Amino acid sequence: IEAFSGGSLTLRVSTQGVYDTFGITKRLQDEFLREGTFHIGVTSLLYDANGTLAEKNFSTATNFNRVEQEFNKIKEGTYTLVTIQMIVDPENKENSNFKIEGENNLRTLKIKQQYVDPGDIHAIGVNTQTITLSKNDLVVDIAPKAIGSRIEVHYKNVLGILPYENIGFGTTDVLDCYLLDPSLSDNDRYQMNLSAKGKFNLRGSLTALETTDGYMNVLYFL
């Protein structure tokens, strides 16, 4: 019989900083969290020295109060902790634009992009750090950092001069996924959709141009 040796791990996750970075905290709270349209989802994944998933914890919140997560009876050792936050549907606990995949191993862990033009409230926060667990209980404070970019696209002086029903812009690359393995460089974490590479991929399209002379579209690009 192998005797258990280890303690508990408590994570205290502060979620507001991600939205402060993009200046959308108040709007997210007033228009989406308070109304119950979305919740904030926090996923924490604990990987052992071999990169194998040891434990997972998922929690949701309806405001920016600190989220606490508990890992009990964790064996002593050194682990890689990855915490990911994004808004989720209150019912299915998923984000319609991004999905966490490859959780079983740190080398395959990624955020998969499912929709090409998410709004800025879908901004993602990530924290990765190494922790050492002993027989004693451990409390770790975490503040995920925003990744990606918030983009405002302004269209002006278009009323009546263009014989089109919509307007937008295109890119020659579209992201496929973002890898979370901390051994990778920043550039290597971004994996492009090869089927879209080099093509004109419409982004940020707007319709009903006859209604006004000025438009703004706010997007989030991972």
Protein backbone atom coordinates (compact mmCIF):
# COMPACT_ATOMS: atom_id res chain seq x y z
CA ILE A 1 0.00 0.00 0.00
CA GLU A 2 1.41 3.35 -1.07
CA ALA A 3 0.95 6.08 1.52
CA PHE A 4 -0.32 9.38 0.16
CA SER A 5 2.04 12.34 0.55
CA GLY A 6 0.82 15.75 -0.45
CA GLY A 7 -1.40 18.70 0.41
CA SER A 8 -4.07 20.86 -1.11
CA LEU A 9 -3.76 23.70 -3.60
CA THR A 10 -6.03 26.76 -3.51
CA LEU A 11 -6.10 29.18 -6.44
CA ARG A 12 -7.44 32.71 -6.03
CA VAL A 13 -8.07 34.01 -9.54
CA SER A 14 -8.65 37.72 -10.27
CA THR A 15 -10.48 38.04 -13.59
CA GLN A 16 -11.00 41.77 -14.03
CA GLY A 17 -7.53 42.65 -15.32
CA VAL A 18 -8.14 40.99 -18.70
CA TYR A 19 -11.07 43.28 -19.41
CA ASP A 20 -9.39 46.35 -17.94
CA THR A 21 -6.63 45.85 -20.53
CA PHE A 22 -9.12 46.32 -23.36
CA GLY A 23 -11.28 48.94 -21.60
CA ILE A 24 -14.43 46.81 -21.69
CA THR A 25 -14.95 45.99 -17.99
CA LYS A 26 -17.96 48.24 -17.36
CA ARG A 27 -19.73 47.30 -20.59
CA LEU A 28 -19.20 43.59 -19.98
CA GLN A 29 -20.59 43.90 -16.44
CA ASP A 30 -23.55 46.16 -17.30
CA GLU A 31 -24.68 44.62 -20.58
CA PHE A 32 -23.78 40.93 -20.30
CA LEU A 33 -22.84 39.65 -16.82
CA ARG A 34 -25.54 41.50 -14.89
CA GLU A 35 -28.18 40.42 -17.41
CA GLY A 36 -27.02 36.81 -17.24
CA THR A 37 -26.20 36.64 -20.95
CA PHE A 38 -22.71 35.34 -20.19
CA HIS A 39 -20.66 34.15 -17.23
CA ILE A 40 -16.89 34.29 -16.79
CA GLY A 41 -15.44 30.80 -17.13
CA VAL A 42 -12.11 29.94 -15.46
CA THR A 43 -10.32 26.70 -16.37
CA SER A 44 -7.22 25.67 -14.42
CA LEU A 45 -5.10 22.73 -15.56
CA LEU A 46 -2.31 21.16 -13.52
CA TYR A 47 0.41 19.22 -15.39
CA ASP A 48 3.09 16.99 -13.87
CA ALA A 49 6.78 17.02 -14.78
CA ASN A 50 6.09 14.85 -17.84
CA GLY A 51 3.47 17.25 -19.18
CA THR A 52 0.60 14.89 -18.36
CA LEU A 53 -2.63 16.35 -17.00
CA ALA A 54 -2.85 15.65 -13.27
CA GLU A 55 -5.92 17.66 -12.27
CA LYS A 56 -8.47 20.05 -13.78
CA ASN A 57 -10.80 22.60 -12.22
CA PHE A 58 -13.51 24.69 -13.88
CA SER A 59 -15.48 27.49 -12.24
CA THR A 60 -17.81 30.27 -13.36
CA ALA A 61 -18.56 33.72 -11.98
CA THR A 62 -21.17 36.39 -12.66
CA ASN A 63 -19.03 39.31 -11.52
CA PHE A 64 -15.39 40.32 -11.05
CA ASN A 65 -15.04 39.01 -7.52
CA ARG A 66 -12.11 36.67 -6.99
CA VAL A 67 -12.72 33.08 -8.14
CA GLU A 68 -11.43 30.38 -5.79
CA GLN A 69 -10.55 26.88 -6.99
CA GLU A 70 -9.50 23.91 -4.86
CA PHE A 71 -7.24 20.98 -5.74
CA ASN A 72 -7.20 18.39 -2.95
CA LYS A 73 -4.71 15.61 -2.19
CA ILE A 74 -2.15 16.56 -4.84
CA LYS A 75 1.07 14.54 -4.73
CA GLU A 76 4.27 16.32 -3.87
CA GLY A 77 6.25 17.54 -6.85
CA THR A 78 6.75 20.28 -9.39
CA TYR A 79 3.84 21.13 -11.68
CA THR A 80 2.97 23.51 -14.51
CA LEU A 81 -0.25 25.38 -13.83
CA VAL A 82 -2.20 26.84 -16.77
CA THR A 83 -5.23 29.05 -16.11
CA ILE A 84 -7.49 30.23 -18.94
CA GLN A 85 -10.44 32.59 -18.67
CA MET A 86 -13.12 33.55 -21.21
CA ILE A 87 -16.81 34.28 -21.17
CA VAL A 88 -19.08 31.24 -21.45
CA ASP A 89 -22.73 30.48 -22.05
CA PRO A 90 -24.51 30.04 -18.69
CA GLU A 91 -26.18 26.84 -19.90
CA ASN A 92 -23.53 24.81 -21.76
CA LYS A 93 -20.51 26.48 -20.09
CA GLU A 94 -18.82 26.94 -23.47
CA ASN A 95 -17.61 29.85 -25.58
CA SER A 96 -19.06 29.85 -29.11
CA ASN A 97 -15.90 31.39 -30.60
CA PHE A 98 -13.07 29.59 -28.83
CA LYS A 99 -12.61 26.08 -27.45
CA ILE A 100 -9.92 24.57 -25.22
CA GLU A 101 -8.57 21.37 -26.79
CA GLY A 102 -5.74 18.87 -26.22
CA GLU A 103 -6.00 19.09 -22.44
CA ASN A 104 -4.46 15.69 -21.69
CA ASN A 105 -0.92 16.89 -22.39
CA LEU A 106 0.75 20.26 -22.02
CA ARG A 107 2.37 19.96 -25.46
CA THR A 108 -1.02 19.64 -27.18
CA LEU A 109 -2.97 22.14 -25.04
CA LYS A 110 -4.44 24.85 -27.24
CA ILE A 111 -7.21 27.37 -27.70
CA LYS A 112 -8.99 26.54 -30.96
CA GLN A 113 -10.62 29.38 -32.89
CA GLN A 114 -14.08 28.39 -34.14
CA TYR A 115 -15.37 31.70 -35.53
CA VAL A 116 -13.38 34.22 -37.51
CA ASP A 117 -14.74 37.51 -36.11
CA PRO A 118 -15.59 37.40 -32.39
CA GLY A 119 -16.51 40.61 -30.55
CA ASP A 120 -14.22 42.15 -27.97
CA ILE A 121 -16.12 40.75 -24.97
CA HIS A 122 -14.72 37.32 -25.96
CA ALA A 123 -11.21 38.43 -24.95
CA ILE A 124 -9.13 35.63 -23.41
CA GLY A 125 -6.86 35.70 -20.37
CA VAL A 126 -4.03 33.22 -19.71
CA ASN A 127 -1.63 32.56 -16.85
CA THR A 128 1.12 29.92 -16.88
CA GLN A 129 3.47 29.27 -13.98
CA THR A 130 5.51 26.57 -12.27
CA ILE A 131 4.55 25.59 -8.74
CA THR A 132 6.05 23.16 -6.25
CA LEU A 133 3.71 21.25 -3.96
CA SER A 134 4.78 19.72 -0.65
CA LYS A 135 2.96 18.19 2.31
CA ASN A 136 1.84 21.67 3.29
CA ASP A 137 -1.22 23.37 1.80
CA LEU A 138 -0.47 26.06 -0.78
CA VAL A 139 -2.42 29.20 -1.77
CA VAL A 140 -1.61 30.87 -5.10
CA ASP A 141 -2.91 34.24 -6.31
CA ILE A 142 -3.41 34.42 -10.07
CA ALA A 143 -4.24 37.32 -12.40
CA PRO A 144 -4.52 36.05 -16.00
CA LYS A 145 -3.07 38.38 -18.63
CA ALA A 146 -4.96 39.36 -21.76
CA ILE A 147 -3.78 37.85 -25.03
CA GLY A 148 -4.75 38.92 -28.53
CA SER A 149 -5.83 42.35 -29.76
CA ARG A 150 -8.94 44.52 -29.67
CA ILE A 151 -9.47 46.16 -33.05
CA GLU A 152 -11.79 49.06 -33.83
CA VAL A 153 -12.60 49.40 -37.53
CA HIS A 154 -14.09 52.73 -38.61
CA TYR A 155 -15.79 53.32 -41.96
CA LYS A 156 -16.54 56.95 -42.87
CA ASN A 157 -17.92 58.88 -45.83
CA VAL A 158 -19.34 55.81 -47.52
CA LEU A 159 -23.03 56.73 -47.75
CA GLY A 160 -24.21 57.04 -51.34
CA ILE A 161 -20.79 56.65 -52.99
CA LEU A 162 -20.48 52.86 -53.04
CA PRO A 163 -22.94 50.65 -54.94
CA TYR A 164 -22.58 47.85 -52.36
CA GLU A 165 -24.73 46.36 -49.62
CA ASN A 166 -21.90 45.59 -47.24
CA ILE A 167 -18.37 46.64 -46.45
CA GLY A 168 -15.46 44.97 -44.68
CA PHE A 169 -11.79 44.15 -44.84
CA GLY A 170 -9.78 41.04 -45.48
CA THR A 171 -6.63 39.33 -44.26
CA THR A 172 -4.38 36.78 -45.92
CA ASP A 173 -4.12 34.69 -42.74
CA VAL A 174 -6.63 33.37 -40.21
CA LEU A 175 -5.63 31.87 -36.87
CA ASP A 176 -6.34 28.18 -36.35
CA CYS A 177 -5.26 27.88 -32.71
CA TYR A 178 -3.07 29.28 -29.96
CA LEU A 179 -0.74 26.78 -28.25
CA LEU A 180 -0.23 27.08 -24.49
CA ASP A 181 2.99 25.08 -24.05
CA PRO A 182 5.26 27.53 -22.15
CA SER A 183 8.38 26.12 -23.84
CA LEU A 184 7.26 27.67 -27.15
CA SER A 185 8.19 31.17 -28.29
CA ASP A 186 5.43 33.75 -28.71
CA ASN A 187 5.52 33.36 -32.50
CA ASP A 188 5.39 29.57 -32.38
CA ARG A 189 2.28 29.62 -30.22
CA TYR A 190 0.20 31.05 -33.08
CA GLN A 191 -0.78 28.36 -35.59
CA MET A 192 -2.41 29.56 -38.81
CA ASN A 193 -5.26 27.94 -40.72
CA LEU A 194 -3.37 26.62 -43.75
CA SER A 195 -6.55 26.26 -45.84
CA ALA A 196 -7.09 30.03 -45.54
CA LYS A 197 -3.46 31.08 -45.97
CA GLY A 198 -2.76 33.47 -48.82
CA LYS A 199 -6.43 33.97 -49.64
CA PHE A 200 -8.66 37.00 -49.17
CA ASN A 201 -10.51 36.19 -45.95
CA LEU A 202 -13.33 38.63 -45.26
CA ARG A 203 -13.26 40.02 -41.71
CA GLY A 204 -15.51 42.51 -39.96
CA SER A 205 -18.21 42.71 -42.60
CA LEU A 206 -21.07 45.18 -42.08
CA THR A 207 -24.38 45.44 -43.93
CA ALA A 208 -27.21 47.98 -44.37
CA LEU A 209 -24.93 50.77 -45.57
CA GLU A 210 -27.85 52.95 -46.59
CA THR A 211 -28.80 53.79 -42.99
CA THR A 212 -25.90 56.01 -41.92
CA ASP A 213 -22.68 57.54 -43.19
CA GLY A 214 -20.38 56.26 -40.44
CA TYR A 215 -19.75 52.78 -39.04
CA MET A 216 -17.61 51.22 -36.34
CA ASN A 217 -17.01 47.50 -35.82
CA VAL A 218 -15.16 46.23 -32.74
CA LEU A 219 -13.42 42.85 -33.05
CA TYR A 220 -11.14 40.63 -31.02
CA PHE A 221 -8.27 38.94 -32.81
CA LEU A 222 -6.42 36.20 -30.94
